[in-house]
Amino acid sequence: MATIGVVLPVFNAESTILRAVNSILSQTWRDLELVVVNDGSMDGTAEVLSSIDDSRLKIIHTDHVGVAEAANLATRLTTAPFVARMDADDWSHPDRLQLQFELLDSGKLDVVGSQVSIVDENGDALESLARYQRWINEETLLEQDILAFRFVELPIVNPTILARREYFELDFRCGDIPEDYDLMLRAAAKGMRFGKVSRVLFEWTDHSRRLTRTHSSFTPDAFMRCRREHLLAGPLNGIKKIDVWGVGKTGKPWIQWLLEQGIEIRNAYDISERRVGELIHGSLVRHPLELAAADGTMILIAVGAANAREVIRPQLKKQGYVVGSDAWFVA
């Protein structure tokens, strides 16, 4: 039995699947099996896969069931105690699994990712995603930040993950929400621990055909439904009163939604002098300099401006708030 089972669902990726598969089979960590589920591909994917000669490769052909079911099937077909994800249009650094396993084992963690390089189909860096790449690689590198910022966006890139198989045995849920984000939030709610190798070990290719660009489960509305569902079941469970920082384009919809859930807005804060003194959905807007010391009332921070979190976190800390406990950033 291999120590690591790598699961790779693929659909119509004849031009990239060979590179992705070879990046796994060329890992310095040799004790692995790669389970590829060909999810009803209609191009030459099957032919490319059949040309690969490696006893560690297991290929399963199915009707088209979608990435969630295909990944679940691949997980069931490996008996390895540790399971990694891979996507058909990405590339893993040769040391990826070795370094991730060392961190997973030594850090007593349950789920480990890595820093990433986000590129286009030519391998060139994507400036349009530079802010997100910095967030993945720097702002959510540490375990506490992965958990504290999980309601902003998925803080660990799904195909970079190596985890104890219990994580993937939670299964990806099919439906109208992003299955990878939903799985991470469910695992976090169960107390699983997350980490990242502080090296770029993964080349994440973004293009117009990528599932996250084309499928209804990955729209902004789908992500919002997912984070709100898990917020209500987790940090907001039983909360009747809350403070909100941010009443602009990002914050207003959150205030309206909180009120719809029967949660009272005690205080609203915004750095904009134009908004200070206004009534927003019945809440008087105050300047953040008026932020009182933490008193047990949760504060939700809904600010979308670049670098805003770096400015806000020190002020929260000064007033005794703990991000990820009584202060939560959302997007």
C-alpha atoms as a PDB file:
ATOM      1  CA  MET A   1       0.000   0.000   0.000  1.00  0.00           C
ATOM      2  CA  ALA A   2       1.349   3.406  -0.981  1.00  0.00           C
ATOM      3  CA  THR A   3       1.717   6.060   1.701  1.00  0.00           C
ATOM      4  CA  ILE A   4       0.239   8.821  -0.484  1.00  0.00           C
ATOM      5  CA  GLY A   5      -2.627   8.471  -2.929  1.00  0.00           C
ATOM      6  CA  VAL A   6      -2.936  11.325  -5.411  1.00  0.00           C
ATOM      7  CA  VAL A   7      -6.422  11.853  -6.853  1.00  0.00           C
ATOM      8  CA  LEU A   8      -6.799  13.549 -10.206  1.00  0.00           C
ATOM      9  CA  PRO A   9     -10.207  14.009 -11.866  1.00  0.00           C
ATOM     10  CA  VAL A  10      -9.912  14.984 -15.516  1.00  0.00           C
ATOM     11  CA  PHE A  11     -12.362  16.117 -18.176  1.00  0.00           C
ATOM     12  CA  ASN A  12     -11.298  17.070 -21.710  1.00  0.00           C
ATOM     13  CA  ALA A  13      -7.673  17.954 -20.945  1.00  0.00           C
ATOM     14  CA  GLU A  14      -5.745  16.210 -23.695  1.00  0.00           C
ATOM     15  CA  SER A  15      -3.304  19.108 -24.082  1.00  0.00           C
ATOM     16  CA  THR A  16      -2.317  19.345 -20.397  1.00  0.00           C
ATOM     17  CA  ILE A  17      -2.929  15.984 -18.725  1.00  0.00           C
ATOM     18  CA  LEU A  18       0.436  14.453 -19.643  1.00  0.00           C
ATOM     19  CA  ARG A  19       2.378  17.308 -18.029  1.00  0.00           C
ATOM     20  CA  ALA A  20       0.197  17.162 -14.905  1.00  0.00           C
ATOM     21  CA  VAL A  21       0.542  13.385 -14.546  1.00  0.00           C
ATOM     22  CA  ASN A  22       4.285  13.433 -15.149  1.00  0.00           C
ATOM     23  CA  SER A  23       4.737  16.117 -12.490  1.00  0.00           C
ATOM     24  CA  ILE A  24       3.299  13.653  -9.961  1.00  0.00           C
ATOM     25  CA  LEU A  25       5.064  10.543 -11.214  1.00  0.00           C
ATOM     26  CA  SER A  26       8.362  12.493 -11.133  1.00  0.00           C
ATOM     27  CA  GLN A  27       8.039  13.422  -7.462  1.00  0.00           C
ATOM     28  CA  THR A  28      11.024  12.855  -5.208  1.00  0.00           C
ATOM     29  CA  TRP A  29       8.496  11.102  -2.926  1.00  0.00           C
ATOM     30  CA  ARG A  30       8.269   7.772  -4.751  1.00  0.00           C
ATOM     31  CA  ASP A  31       5.916   5.859  -2.445  1.00  0.00           C
ATOM     32  CA  LEU A  32       2.701   6.981  -4.099  1.00  0.00           C
ATOM     33  CA  GLU A  33      -0.111   5.916  -6.358  1.00  0.00           C
ATOM     34  CA  LEU A  34      -1.868   8.231  -8.784  1.00  0.00           C
ATOM     35  CA  VAL A  35      -5.572   7.600  -9.331  1.00  0.00           C
ATOM     36  CA  VAL A  36      -6.839   9.375 -12.440  1.00  0.00           C
ATOM     37  CA  VAL A  37     -10.591   9.387 -13.030  1.00  0.00           C
ATOM     38  CA  ASN A  38     -11.313  10.207 -16.658  1.00  0.00           C
ATOM     39  CA  ASP A  39     -14.671  11.888 -16.150  1.00  0.00           C
ATOM     40  CA  GLY A  40     -16.300  11.160 -19.500  1.00  0.00           C
ATOM     41  CA  SER A  41     -13.787  13.095 -21.601  1.00  0.00           C
ATOM     42  CA  MET A  42     -14.785  13.474 -25.247  1.00  0.00           C
ATOM     43  CA  ASP A  43     -11.379  14.518 -26.593  1.00  0.00           C
ATOM     44  CA  GLY A  44      -8.102  12.605 -26.693  1.00  0.00           C
ATOM     45  CA  THR A  45      -7.569  12.476 -22.925  1.00  0.00           C
ATOM     46  CA  ALA A  46      -8.051   8.697 -22.746  1.00  0.00           C
ATOM     47  CA  GLU A  47      -5.485   8.095 -25.474  1.00  0.00           C
ATOM     48  CA  VAL A  48      -2.912  10.310 -23.763  1.00  0.00           C
ATOM     49  CA  LEU A  49      -3.429   8.493 -20.466  1.00  0.00           C
ATOM     50  CA  SER A  50      -3.094   5.078 -22.109  1.00  0.00           C
ATOM     51  CA  SER A  51       0.351   6.039 -23.428  1.00  0.00           C
ATOM     52  CA  ILE A  52       1.795   6.472 -19.901  1.00  0.00           C
ATOM     53  CA  ASP A  53       3.669   3.441 -18.598  1.00  0.00           C
ATOM     54  CA  ASP A  54       4.007   3.507 -14.811  1.00  0.00           C
ATOM     55  CA  SER A  55       2.798   0.838 -12.396  1.00  0.00           C
ATOM     56  CA  ARG A  56       1.844   3.523  -9.866  1.00  0.00           C
ATOM     57  CA  LEU A  57      -0.778   4.953 -12.231  1.00  0.00           C
ATOM     58  CA  LYS A  58      -4.382   3.733 -11.953  1.00  0.00           C
ATOM     59  CA  ILE A  59      -6.820   4.986 -14.613  1.00  0.00           C
ATOM     60  CA  ILE A  60     -10.590   4.769 -14.242  1.00  0.00           C
ATOM     61  CA  HIS A  61     -12.981   5.749 -17.040  1.00  0.00           C
ATOM     62  CA  THR A  62     -16.493   6.864 -16.117  1.00  0.00           C
ATOM     63  CA  ASP A  63     -19.462   8.635 -17.603  1.00  0.00           C
ATOM     64  CA  HIS A  64     -19.373  12.366 -16.960  1.00  0.00           C
ATOM     65  CA  VAL A  65     -20.343  12.833 -13.285  1.00  0.00           C
ATOM     66  CA  GLY A  66     -18.610  16.123 -12.497  1.00  0.00           C
ATOM     67  CA  VAL A  67     -15.450  17.001 -10.618  1.00  0.00           C
ATOM     68  CA  ALA A  68     -16.865  16.465  -7.117  1.00  0.00           C
ATOM     69  CA  GLU A  69     -18.073  12.914  -7.747  1.00  0.00           C
ATOM     70  CA  ALA A  70     -14.982  12.082  -9.783  1.00  0.00           C
ATOM     71  CA  ALA A  71     -12.706  13.223  -6.945  1.00  0.00           C
ATOM     72  CA  ASN A  72     -14.781  11.303  -4.385  1.00  0.00           C
ATOM     73  CA  LEU A  73     -14.521   8.173  -6.524  1.00  0.00           C
ATOM     74  CA  ALA A  74     -10.745   8.551  -6.809  1.00  0.00           C
ATOM     75  CA  THR A  75     -10.476   8.891  -3.020  1.00  0.00           C
ATOM     76  CA  ARG A  76     -12.427   5.671  -2.512  1.00  0.00           C
ATOM     77  CA  LEU A  77     -10.150   3.866  -4.962  1.00  0.00           C
ATOM     78  CA  THR A  78      -6.975   4.591  -3.004  1.00  0.00           C
ATOM     79  CA  THR A  79      -6.270   2.957   0.351  1.00  0.00           C
ATOM     80  CA  ALA A  80      -3.378   5.295   1.167  1.00  0.00           C
ATOM     81  CA  PRO A  81      -3.490   6.905   4.639  1.00  0.00           C
ATOM     82  CA  PHE A  82      -2.602  10.280   3.097  1.00  0.00           C
ATOM     83  CA  VAL A  83      -4.369  11.741   0.065  1.00  0.00           C
ATOM     84  CA  ALA A  84      -3.298  14.563  -2.232  1.00  0.00           C
ATOM     85  CA  ARG A  85      -5.213  16.469  -4.896  1.00  0.00           C
ATOM     86  CA  MET A  86      -4.033  17.378  -8.341  1.00  0.00           C
ATOM     87  CA  ASP A  87      -5.722  19.052 -11.301  1.00  0.00           C
ATOM     88  CA  ALA A  88      -5.283  18.194 -14.952  1.00  0.00           C
ATOM     89  CA  ASP A  89      -4.047  21.591 -16.116  1.00  0.00           C
ATOM     90  CA  ASP A  90      -1.576  22.322 -13.299  1.00  0.00           C
ATOM     91  CA  TRP A  91       1.983  21.329 -12.413  1.00  0.00           C
ATOM     92  CA  SER A  92       3.558  20.186  -9.144  1.00  0.00           C
ATOM     93  CA  HIS A  93       7.162  20.923  -8.207  1.00  0.00           C
ATOM     94  CA  PRO A  94       9.194  17.675  -7.831  1.00  0.00           C
ATOM     95  CA  ASP A  95       9.615  18.265  -4.073  1.00  0.00           C
ATOM     96  CA  ARG A  96       5.976  19.106  -3.452  1.00  0.00           C
ATOM     97  CA  LEU A  97       4.809  15.897  -1.755  1.00  0.00           C
ATOM     98  CA  GLN A  98       8.065  15.352   0.128  1.00  0.00           C
ATOM     99  CA  LEU A  99       8.013  18.797   1.717  1.00  0.00           C
ATOM    100  CA  GLN A 100       4.279  18.718   2.379  1.00  0.00           C
ATOM    101  CA  PHE A 101       4.477  15.321   4.069  1.00  0.00           C
ATOM    102  CA  GLU A 102       7.302  16.518   6.309  1.00  0.00           C
ATOM    103  CA  LEU A 103       5.211  19.507   7.422  1.00  0.00           C
ATOM    104  CA  LEU A 104       2.041  17.442   7.802  1.00  0.00           C
ATOM    105  CA  ASP A 105       3.823  14.916   9.991  1.00  0.00           C
ATOM    106  CA  SER A 106       6.018  17.239  12.060  1.00  0.00           C
ATOM    107  CA  GLY A 107       3.370  19.902  12.605  1.00  0.00           C
ATOM    108  CA  LYS A 108       0.653  17.499  13.721  1.00  0.00           C
ATOM    109  CA  LEU A 109      -1.532  19.014  11.031  1.00  0.00           C
ATOM    110  CA  ASP A 110      -4.440  17.481   9.126  1.00  0.00           C
ATOM    111  CA  VAL A 111      -4.289  19.422   5.845  1.00  0.00           C
ATOM    112  CA  VAL A 112      -1.289  21.024   4.137  1.00  0.00           C
ATOM    113  CA  GLY A 113      -1.056  23.188   1.016  1.00  0.00           C
ATOM    114  CA  SER A 114       1.740  25.304  -0.401  1.00  0.00           C
ATOM    115  CA  GLN A 115       2.465  28.666  -1.876  1.00  0.00           C
ATOM    116  CA  VAL A 116       1.543  28.925  -5.561  1.00  0.00           C
ATOM    117  CA  SER A 117       2.461  30.637  -8.778  1.00  0.00           C
ATOM    118  CA  ILE A 118      -0.623  31.641 -10.764  1.00  0.00           C
ATOM    119  CA  VAL A 119       0.096  31.591 -14.494  1.00  0.00           C
ATOM    120  CA  ASP A 120      -1.668  31.658 -17.847  1.00  0.00           C
ATOM    121  CA  GLU A 121      -1.543  28.858 -20.413  1.00  0.00           C
ATOM    122  CA  ASN A 122       1.855  30.093 -21.594  1.00  0.00           C
ATOM    123  CA  GLY A 123       3.305  29.905 -18.102  1.00  0.00           C
ATOM    124  CA  ASP A 124       3.396  33.686 -17.691  1.00  0.00           C
ATOM    125  CA  ALA A 125       2.492  35.349 -14.402  1.00  0.00           C
ATOM    126  CA  LEU A 126      -1.022  36.813 -14.252  1.00  0.00           C
ATOM    127  CA  GLU A 127      -0.969  40.376 -12.969  1.00  0.00           C
ATOM    128  CA  SER A 128      -4.761  40.331 -12.706  1.00  0.00           C
ATOM    129  CA  LEU A 129      -4.475  37.725  -9.951  1.00  0.00           C
ATOM    130  CA  ALA A 130      -1.394  39.156  -8.236  1.00  0.00           C
ATOM    131  CA  ARG A 131      -3.412  40.384  -5.243  1.00  0.00           C
ATOM    132  CA  TYR A 132      -4.992  36.961  -4.732  1.00  0.00           C
ATOM    133  CA  GLN A 133      -1.604  35.259  -5.098  1.00  0.00           C
ATOM    134  CA  ARG A 134      -0.146  37.517  -2.384  1.00  0.00           C
ATOM    135  CA  TRP A 135      -3.107  36.679  -0.143  1.00  0.00           C
ATOM    136  CA  ILE A 136      -2.538  32.942  -0.654  1.00  0.00           C
ATOM    137  CA  ASN A 137       1.239  33.102  -0.334  1.00  0.00           C
ATOM    138  CA  GLU A 138       1.690  35.698   2.401  1.00  0.00           C
ATOM    139  CA  GLU A 139      -1.478  36.782   4.221  1.00  0.00           C
ATOM    140  CA  THR A 140      -2.792  33.254   4.817  1.00  0.00           C
ATOM    141  CA  LEU A 141       0.471  31.357   5.180  1.00  0.00           C
ATOM    142  CA  LEU A 142       0.271  30.571   8.902  1.00  0.00           C
ATOM    143  CA  GLU A 143      -2.185  28.128  10.456  1.00  0.00           C
ATOM    144  CA  GLN A 144      -3.983  30.774  12.508  1.00  0.00           C
ATOM    145  CA  ASP A 145      -4.451  33.011   9.474  1.00  0.00           C
ATOM    146  CA  ILE A 146      -5.774  30.188   7.288  1.00  0.00           C
ATOM    147  CA  LEU A 147      -8.535  29.648   9.825  1.00  0.00           C
ATOM    148  CA  ALA A 148      -9.089  33.301  10.720  1.00  0.00           C
ATOM    149  CA  PHE A 149      -9.565  34.429   7.112  1.00  0.00           C
ATOM    150  CA  ARG A 150     -11.531  31.453   5.834  1.00  0.00           C
ATOM    151  CA  PHE A 151     -14.705  33.510   5.386  1.00  0.00           C
ATOM    152  CA  VAL A 152     -12.980  35.871   2.968  1.00  0.00           C
ATOM    153  CA  GLU A 153     -12.089  33.266   0.346  1.00  0.00           C
ATOM    154  CA  LEU A 154     -10.727  29.723   0.159  1.00  0.00           C
ATOM    155  CA  PRO A 155      -7.309  30.313   1.797  1.00  0.00           C
ATOM    156  CA  ILE A 156      -5.679  27.084   0.645  1.00  0.00           C
ATOM    157  CA  VAL A 157      -5.624  26.198  -3.066  1.00  0.00           C
ATOM    158  CA  ASN A 158      -7.517  22.929  -3.443  1.00  0.00           C
ATOM    159  CA  PRO A 159      -5.216  21.072  -5.896  1.00  0.00           C
ATOM    160  CA  THR A 160      -2.205  21.861  -3.676  1.00  0.00           C
ATOM    161  CA  ILE A 161      -3.644  19.900  -0.762  1.00  0.00           C
ATOM    162  CA  LEU A 162      -2.054  16.884   0.916  1.00  0.00           C
ATOM    163  CA  ALA A 163      -4.158  15.663   3.836  1.00  0.00           C
ATOM    164  CA  ARG A 164      -4.866  12.810   6.140  1.00  0.00           C
ATOM    165  CA  ARG A 165      -7.458  10.769   4.315  1.00  0.00           C
ATOM    166  CA  GLU A 166     -10.104  11.673   6.911  1.00  0.00           C
ATOM    167  CA  TYR A 167     -10.254  15.095   5.288  1.00  0.00           C
ATOM    168  CA  PHE A 168     -11.209  13.802   1.855  1.00  0.00           C
ATOM    169  CA  GLU A 169     -13.473  11.134   3.377  1.00  0.00           C
ATOM    170  CA  LEU A 170     -15.751  14.024   4.371  1.00  0.00           C
ATOM    171  CA  ASP A 171     -16.465  14.020   0.606  1.00  0.00           C
ATOM    172  CA  PHE A 172     -16.989  16.887  -1.768  1.00  0.00           C
ATOM    173  CA  ARG A 173     -20.684  17.807  -1.788  1.00  0.00           C
ATOM    174  CA  CYS A 174     -22.367  18.189  -5.145  1.00  0.00           C
ATOM    175  CA  GLY A 175     -24.652  21.166  -5.611  1.00  0.00           C
ATOM    176  CA  ASP A 176     -24.674  24.878  -6.285  1.00  0.00           C
ATOM    177  CA  ILE A 177     -21.764  25.827  -4.008  1.00  0.00           C
ATOM    178  CA  PRO A 178     -17.999  25.527  -4.593  1.00  0.00           C
ATOM    179  CA  GLU A 179     -17.269  21.995  -3.417  1.00  0.00           C
ATOM    180  CA  ASP A 180     -13.639  22.663  -2.434  1.00  0.00           C
ATOM    181  CA  TYR A 181     -14.485  25.726  -0.322  1.00  0.00           C
ATOM    182  CA  ASP A 182     -17.380  23.914   1.325  1.00  0.00           C
ATOM    183  CA  LEU A 183     -15.156  20.939   2.226  1.00  0.00           C
ATOM    184  CA  MET A 184     -12.517  23.177   3.767  1.00  0.00           C
ATOM    185  CA  LEU A 185     -15.111  25.028   5.866  1.00  0.00           C
ATOM    186  CA  ARG A 186     -16.691  21.778   7.057  1.00  0.00           C
ATOM    187  CA  ALA A 187     -13.276  20.404   8.014  1.00  0.00           C
ATOM    188  CA  ALA A 188     -12.377  23.604   9.875  1.00  0.00           C
ATOM    189  CA  ALA A 189     -15.646  23.399  11.808  1.00  0.00           C
ATOM    190  CA  LYS A 190     -14.639  19.889  12.919  1.00  0.00           C
ATOM    191  CA  GLY A 191     -11.381  21.222  14.316  1.00  0.00           C
ATOM    192  CA  MET A 192      -9.000  20.043  11.611  1.00  0.00           C
ATOM    193  CA  ARG A 193      -5.684  21.891  11.490  1.00  0.00           C
ATOM    194  CA  PHE A 194      -4.299  23.516   8.348  1.00  0.00           C
ATOM    195  CA  GLY A 195      -0.845  24.613   7.234  1.00  0.00           C
ATOM    196  CA  LYS A 196       1.208  25.557   4.183  1.00  0.00           C
ATOM    197  CA  VAL A 197       4.752  24.919   3.049  1.00  0.00           C
ATOM    198  CA  SER A 198       6.366  28.322   2.723  1.00  0.00           C
ATOM    199  CA  ARG A 199       7.659  27.640  -0.762  1.00  0.00           C
ATOM    200  CA  VAL A 200       6.087  27.862  -4.200  1.00  0.00           C
ATOM    201  CA  LEU A 201       5.508  24.202  -5.016  1.00  0.00           C
ATOM    202  CA  PHE A 202       2.623  24.497  -7.444  1.00  0.00           C
ATOM    203  CA  GLU A 203       1.951  26.148 -10.787  1.00  0.00           C
ATOM    204  CA  TRP A 204      -1.752  26.971 -10.892  1.00  0.00           C
ATOM    205  CA  THR A 205      -2.953  27.646 -14.428  1.00  0.00           C
ATOM    206  CA  ASP A 206      -5.842  30.047 -14.918  1.00  0.00           C
ATOM    207  CA  HIS A 207      -7.722  30.202 -18.221  1.00  0.00           C
ATOM    208  CA  SER A 208     -11.212  30.902 -19.537  1.00  0.00           C
ATOM    209  CA  ARG A 209     -12.125  27.189 -19.708  1.00  0.00           C
ATOM    210  CA  ARG A 210     -11.218  26.394 -16.136  1.00  0.00           C
ATOM    211  CA  LEU A 211     -14.129  25.042 -14.116  1.00  0.00           C
ATOM    212  CA  THR A 212     -13.905  27.910 -11.651  1.00  0.00           C
ATOM    213  CA  ARG A 213     -14.537  30.258 -14.592  1.00  0.00           C
ATOM    214  CA  THR A 214     -17.373  28.345 -16.239  1.00  0.00           C
ATOM    215  CA  HIS A 215     -19.425  26.418 -13.684  1.00  0.00           C
ATOM    216  CA  SER A 216     -22.344  27.902 -11.759  1.00  0.00           C
ATOM    217  CA  SER A 217     -20.966  26.452  -8.504  1.00  0.00           C
ATOM    218  CA  PHE A 218     -18.091  28.930  -8.611  1.00  0.00           C
ATOM    219  CA  THR A 219     -19.891  32.219  -9.209  1.00  0.00           C
ATOM    220  CA  PRO A 220     -19.535  35.039  -6.652  1.00  0.00           C
ATOM    221  CA  ASP A 221     -23.106  34.284  -5.521  1.00  0.00           C
ATOM    222  CA  ALA A 222     -22.216  30.630  -4.963  1.00  0.00           C
ATOM    223  CA  PHE A 223     -19.206  31.561  -2.836  1.00  0.00           C
ATOM    224  CA  MET A 224     -21.345  33.999  -0.853  1.00  0.00           C
ATOM    225  CA  ARG A 225     -23.992  31.342  -0.168  1.00  0.00           C
ATOM    226  CA  CYS A 226     -21.279  28.981   1.002  1.00  0.00           C
ATOM    227  CA  ARG A 227     -19.544  31.371   3.413  1.00  0.00           C
ATOM    228  CA  ARG A 228     -22.865  32.595   4.831  1.00  0.00           C
ATOM    229  CA  GLU A 229     -24.124  29.057   5.392  1.00  0.00           C
ATOM    230  CA  HIS A 230     -20.999  28.180   7.350  1.00  0.00           C
ATOM    231  CA  LEU A 231     -20.909  31.489   9.230  1.00  0.00           C
ATOM    232  CA  LEU A 232     -24.455  30.915  10.450  1.00  0.00           C
ATOM    233  CA  ALA A 233     -23.656  27.358  11.497  1.00  0.00           C
ATOM    234  CA  GLY A 234     -20.385  28.415  13.137  1.00  0.00           C
ATOM    235  CA  PRO A 235     -19.296  31.803  14.527  1.00  0.00           C
ATOM    236  CA  LEU A 236     -22.746  33.403  14.141  1.00  0.00           C
ATOM    237  CA  ASN A 237     -24.638  30.509  15.691  1.00  0.00           C
ATOM    238  CA  GLY A 238     -26.750  31.939  18.504  1.00  0.00           C
ATOM    239  CA  ILE A 239     -25.515  35.508  17.958  1.00  0.00           C
ATOM    240  CA  LYS A 240     -28.220  38.147  18.422  1.00  0.00           C
ATOM    241  CA  LYS A 241     -26.173  41.357  18.317  1.00  0.00           C
ATOM    242  CA  ILE A 242     -23.061  42.303  16.374  1.00  0.00           C
ATOM    243  CA  ASP A 243     -20.849  45.228  15.340  1.00  0.00           C
ATOM    244  CA  VAL A 244     -19.883  45.782  11.699  1.00  0.00           C
ATOM    245  CA  TRP A 245     -16.850  47.535  10.249  1.00  0.00           C
ATOM    246  CA  GLY A 246     -17.537  48.615   6.665  1.00  0.00           C
ATOM    247  CA  VAL A 247     -20.733  50.124   5.259  1.00  0.00           C
ATOM    248  CA  GLY A 248     -19.648  50.595   1.653  1.00  0.00           C
ATOM    249  CA  LYS A 249     -20.064  48.353  -1.386  1.00  0.00           C
ATOM    250  CA  THR A 250     -18.849  45.283   0.517  1.00  0.00           C
ATOM    251  CA  GLY A 251     -20.413  46.037   3.875  1.00  0.00           C
ATOM    252  CA  LYS A 252     -23.961  47.137   3.032  1.00  0.00           C
ATOM    253  CA  PRO A 253     -25.117  43.738   1.699  1.00  0.00           C
ATOM    254  CA  TRP A 254     -23.696  42.088   4.812  1.00  0.00           C
ATOM    255  CA  ILE A 255     -25.587  44.471   7.089  1.00  0.00           C
ATOM    256  CA  GLN A 256     -28.820  43.810   5.214  1.00  0.00           C
ATOM    257  CA  TRP A 257     -28.270  40.049   5.374  1.00  0.00           C
ATOM    258  CA  LEU A 258     -27.469  40.126   9.106  1.00  0.00           C
ATOM    259  CA  LEU A 259     -30.689  42.019   9.771  1.00  0.00           C
ATOM    260  CA  GLU A 260     -32.608  39.462   7.709  1.00  0.00           C
ATOM    261  CA  GLN A 261     -31.204  36.758  10.001  1.00  0.00           C
ATOM    262  CA  GLY A 262     -32.559  38.622  13.011  1.00  0.00           C
ATOM    263  CA  ILE A 263     -29.121  39.826  14.128  1.00  0.00           C
ATOM    264  CA  GLU A 264     -29.085  43.371  15.503  1.00  0.00           C
ATOM    265  CA  ILE A 265     -26.371  45.776  14.370  1.00  0.00           C
ATOM    266  CA  ARG A 266     -25.165  47.462  17.561  1.00  0.00           C
ATOM    267  CA  ASN A 267     -22.499  49.704  16.033  1.00  0.00           C
ATOM    268  CA  ALA A 268     -21.373  50.340  12.461  1.00  0.00           C
ATOM    269  CA  TYR A 269     -17.924  51.724  11.612  1.00  0.00           C
ATOM    270  CA  ASP A 270     -16.428  53.116   8.429  1.00  0.00           C
ATOM    271  CA  ILE A 271     -13.281  55.061   7.656  1.00  0.00           C
ATOM    272  CA  SER A 272     -15.062  57.240   5.099  1.00  0.00           C
ATOM    273  CA  GLU A 273     -15.710  60.697   6.559  1.00  0.00           C
ATOM    274  CA  ARG A 274     -18.609  60.992   4.107  1.00  0.00           C
ATOM    275  CA  ARG A 275     -20.403  58.054   5.708  1.00  0.00           C
ATOM    276  CA  VAL A 276     -19.658  58.823   9.362  1.00  0.00           C
ATOM    277  CA  GLY A 277     -22.823  60.124  11.003  1.00  0.00           C
ATOM    278  CA  GLU A 278     -25.142  58.485   8.462  1.00  0.00           C
ATOM    279  CA  LEU A 279     -27.804  55.974   9.355  1.00  0.00           C
ATOM    280  CA  ILE A 280     -27.270  52.698   7.471  1.00  0.00           C
ATOM    281  CA  HIS A 281     -30.229  50.345   7.848  1.00  0.00           C
ATOM    282  CA  GLY A 282     -30.938  52.031  11.163  1.00  0.00           C
ATOM    283  CA  SER A 283     -27.348  51.943  12.459  1.00  0.00           C
ATOM    284  CA  LEU A 284     -25.395  55.148  13.155  1.00  0.00           C
ATOM    285  CA  VAL A 285     -22.035  55.008  11.398  1.00  0.00           C
ATOM    286  CA  ARG A 286     -19.041  55.867  13.575  1.00  0.00           C
ATOM    287  CA  HIS A 287     -15.375  56.381  12.708  1.00  0.00           C
ATOM    288  CA  PRO A 288     -13.110  53.406  13.571  1.00  0.00           C
ATOM    289  CA  LEU A 289     -11.160  55.665  15.940  1.00  0.00           C
ATOM    290  CA  GLU A 290     -14.268  55.405  18.143  1.00  0.00           C
ATOM    291  CA  LEU A 291     -13.948  51.620  18.278  1.00  0.00           C
ATOM    292  CA  ALA A 292     -14.334  50.651  21.916  1.00  0.00           C
ATOM    293  CA  ALA A 293     -12.437  47.885  23.685  1.00  0.00           C
ATOM    294  CA  ALA A 294     -13.634  44.352  23.025  1.00  0.00           C
ATOM    295  CA  ASP A 295     -16.466  43.403  25.362  1.00  0.00           C
ATOM    296  CA  GLY A 296     -17.528  40.022  24.014  1.00  0.00           C
ATOM    297  CA  THR A 297     -19.661  41.382  21.156  1.00  0.00           C
ATOM    298  CA  MET A 298     -18.504  40.009  17.824  1.00  0.00           C
ATOM    299  CA  ILE A 299     -17.384  42.352  15.060  1.00  0.00           C
ATOM    300  CA  LEU A 300     -17.678  41.513  11.364  1.00  0.00           C
ATOM    301  CA  ILE A 301     -15.244  43.350   9.075  1.00  0.00           C
ATOM    302  CA  ALA A 302     -16.545  43.724   5.503  1.00  0.00           C
ATOM    303  CA  VAL A 303     -14.040  45.951   3.725  1.00  0.00           C
ATOM    304  CA  GLY A 304     -12.891  45.266   0.173  1.00  0.00           C
ATOM    305  CA  ALA A 305     -10.196  47.908  -0.349  1.00  0.00           C
ATOM    306  CA  ALA A 306      -6.680  46.689  -1.101  1.00  0.00           C
ATOM    307  CA  ASN A 307      -4.432  46.504   1.984  1.00  0.00           C
ATOM    308  CA  ALA A 308      -7.354  47.381   4.258  1.00  0.00           C
ATOM    309  CA  ARG A 309      -6.906  44.285   6.404  1.00  0.00           C
ATOM    310  CA  GLU A 310      -3.284  45.201   7.136  1.00  0.00           C
ATOM    311  CA  VAL A 311      -4.483  48.550   8.509  1.00  0.00           C
ATOM    312  CA  ILE A 312      -7.472  47.183  10.423  1.00  0.00           C
ATOM    313  CA  ARG A 313      -5.826  44.222  12.183  1.00  0.00           C
ATOM    314  CA  PRO A 314      -3.500  46.288  14.426  1.00  0.00           C
ATOM    315  CA  GLN A 315      -6.392  48.472  15.572  1.00  0.00           C
ATOM    316  CA  LEU A 316      -8.491  45.424  16.406  1.00  0.00           C
ATOM    317  CA  LYS A 317      -5.605  43.935  18.362  1.00  0.00           C
ATOM    318  CA  LYS A 318      -5.047  47.202  20.228  1.00  0.00           C
ATOM    319  CA  GLN A 319      -8.671  47.117  21.387  1.00  0.00           C
ATOM    320  CA  GLY A 320      -8.416  43.502  22.501  1.00  0.00           C
ATOM    321  CA  TYR A 321     -10.119  41.725  19.608  1.00  0.00           C
ATOM    322  CA  VAL A 322      -8.826  38.379  18.376  1.00  0.00           C
ATOM    323  CA  VAL A 323      -9.212  37.805  14.642  1.00  0.00           C
ATOM    324  CA  GLY A 324     -10.780  34.401  14.165  1.00  0.00           C
ATOM    325  CA  SER A 325     -12.494  34.494  17.564  1.00  0.00           C
ATOM    326  CA  ASP A 326     -14.540  37.654  18.184  1.00  0.00           C
ATOM    327  CA  ALA A 327     -13.499  39.427  14.964  1.00  0.00           C
ATOM    328  CA  TRP A 328     -14.104  37.960  11.516  1.00  0.00           C
ATOM    329  CA  PHE A 329     -13.134  39.303   8.117  1.00  0.00           C
ATOM    330  CA  VAL A 330     -15.582  38.597   5.283  1.00  0.00           C
ATOM    331  CA  ALA A 331     -15.829  39.437   1.611  1.00  0.00           C
END
